Amino acid sequence: MQQNKQKKAKKVKKSVFCGTGSIYQFFGVLCFPISLVFPPMIILAVILFVVGCNKSVKYQCDNCNGEVSKNIKICPWCKSFFE
């Protein structure tokens, strides 16, 4: 009998300091000093910072460290199945 052993892996959440997310965060931080003069600007600053934090999250396969998307079931790099 031959057993079919499937490799299993987990998706690991990583924060990245480059890309679109960091640009949103940068402009969010720039809006904070402006909010001292124009208080409603604080709302825009918080929104930009939160959106930037969400966009700077990437997922990696813990088996091969390849970058994968959030809703994928099989790693395209090492063919491991995600739990």
Protein backbone atom coordinates (compact mmCIF):
# COMPACT_ATOMS: atom_id res chain seq x y z
CA MET A 1 0.00 0.00 0.00
CA GLN A 2 1.21 3.42 -0.88
CA GLN A 3 0.21 6.25 1.37
CA ASN A 4 -0.33 9.68 -0.13
CA LYS A 5 1.37 12.06 2.27
CA GLN A 6 0.55 15.69 1.72
CA LYS A 7 2.83 18.41 2.98
CA LYS A 8 1.03 20.80 5.30
CA ALA A 9 1.97 24.37 6.00
CA LYS A 10 0.56 27.50 7.62
CA LYS A 11 0.16 31.00 6.28
CA VAL A 12 2.22 33.44 8.31
CA LYS A 13 1.19 37.10 8.49
CA LYS A 14 4.08 39.51 7.92
CA SER A 15 4.13 43.29 8.07
CA VAL A 16 6.13 44.93 5.31
CA PHE A 17 7.63 48.41 5.51
CA CYS A 18 7.64 49.09 1.77
CA GLY A 19 4.99 49.41 -0.89
CA THR A 20 1.59 51.02 -1.02
CA GLY A 21 0.84 50.58 2.67
CA SER A 22 3.84 52.60 3.77
CA ILE A 23 2.84 55.47 1.47
CA TYR A 24 -0.61 55.64 3.06
CA GLN A 25 0.95 55.56 6.52
CA PHE A 26 3.41 58.31 5.58
CA PHE A 27 0.63 60.66 4.45
CA GLY A 28 -1.38 59.73 7.54
CA VAL A 29 1.52 60.78 9.77
CA LEU A 30 1.93 64.02 7.79
CA CYS A 31 -1.73 64.88 8.43
CA PHE A 32 -1.31 64.84 12.24
CA PRO A 33 0.58 68.19 12.48
CA ILE A 34 -1.90 69.76 10.06
CA SER A 35 -4.70 68.66 12.39
CA LEU A 36 -3.34 71.07 15.05
CA VAL A 37 -4.38 73.93 12.76
CA PHE A 38 -7.37 72.23 11.14
CA PRO A 39 -8.84 69.70 13.67
CA PRO A 40 -11.09 67.74 11.25
CA MET A 41 -7.90 66.64 9.46
CA ILE A 42 -7.33 64.14 12.30
CA ILE A 43 -10.09 61.97 10.82
CA LEU A 44 -8.26 61.76 7.49
CA ALA A 45 -4.99 61.05 9.30
CA VAL A 46 -6.47 58.11 11.20
CA ILE A 47 -8.16 56.70 8.08
CA LEU A 48 -4.93 56.89 6.07
CA PHE A 49 -2.93 55.29 8.84
CA VAL A 50 -5.38 52.39 9.30
CA VAL A 51 -5.65 51.75 5.55
CA GLY A 52 -1.86 51.80 5.31
CA CYS A 53 -1.55 49.25 8.12
CA ASN A 54 -4.00 46.92 6.36
CA LYS A 55 -2.24 47.25 2.98
CA SER A 56 1.19 46.53 4.45
CA VAL A 57 0.27 42.98 5.54
CA LYS A 58 1.60 40.12 3.41
CA TYR A 59 1.22 36.36 3.82
CA GLN A 60 4.04 33.82 3.53
CA CYS A 61 4.18 30.05 3.47
CA ASP A 62 6.00 28.86 6.59
CA ASN A 63 7.41 25.91 4.66
CA CYS A 64 9.22 27.74 1.83
CA ASN A 65 8.78 31.45 2.79
CA GLY A 66 7.15 32.13 -0.58
CA GLU A 67 4.67 35.02 -0.76
CA VAL A 68 1.07 33.81 -1.08
CA SER A 69 -2.33 35.47 -1.17
CA LYS A 70 -4.75 35.37 1.75
CA ASN A 71 -7.37 33.06 0.22
CA ILE A 72 -5.15 30.48 -1.48
CA LYS A 73 -5.34 26.80 -0.43
CA ILE A 74 -2.09 25.43 -1.92
CA CYS A 75 1.30 27.13 -1.99
CA PRO A 76 2.26 27.78 -5.63
CA TRP A 77 5.97 27.49 -4.77
CA CYS A 78 6.28 24.28 -2.71
CA LYS A 79 2.82 22.74 -3.32
CA SER A 80 2.06 22.44 0.42
CA PHE A 81 -1.56 22.49 1.58
CA PHE A 82 -2.56 25.23 4.01
CA GLU A 83 -4.46 24.28 7.15
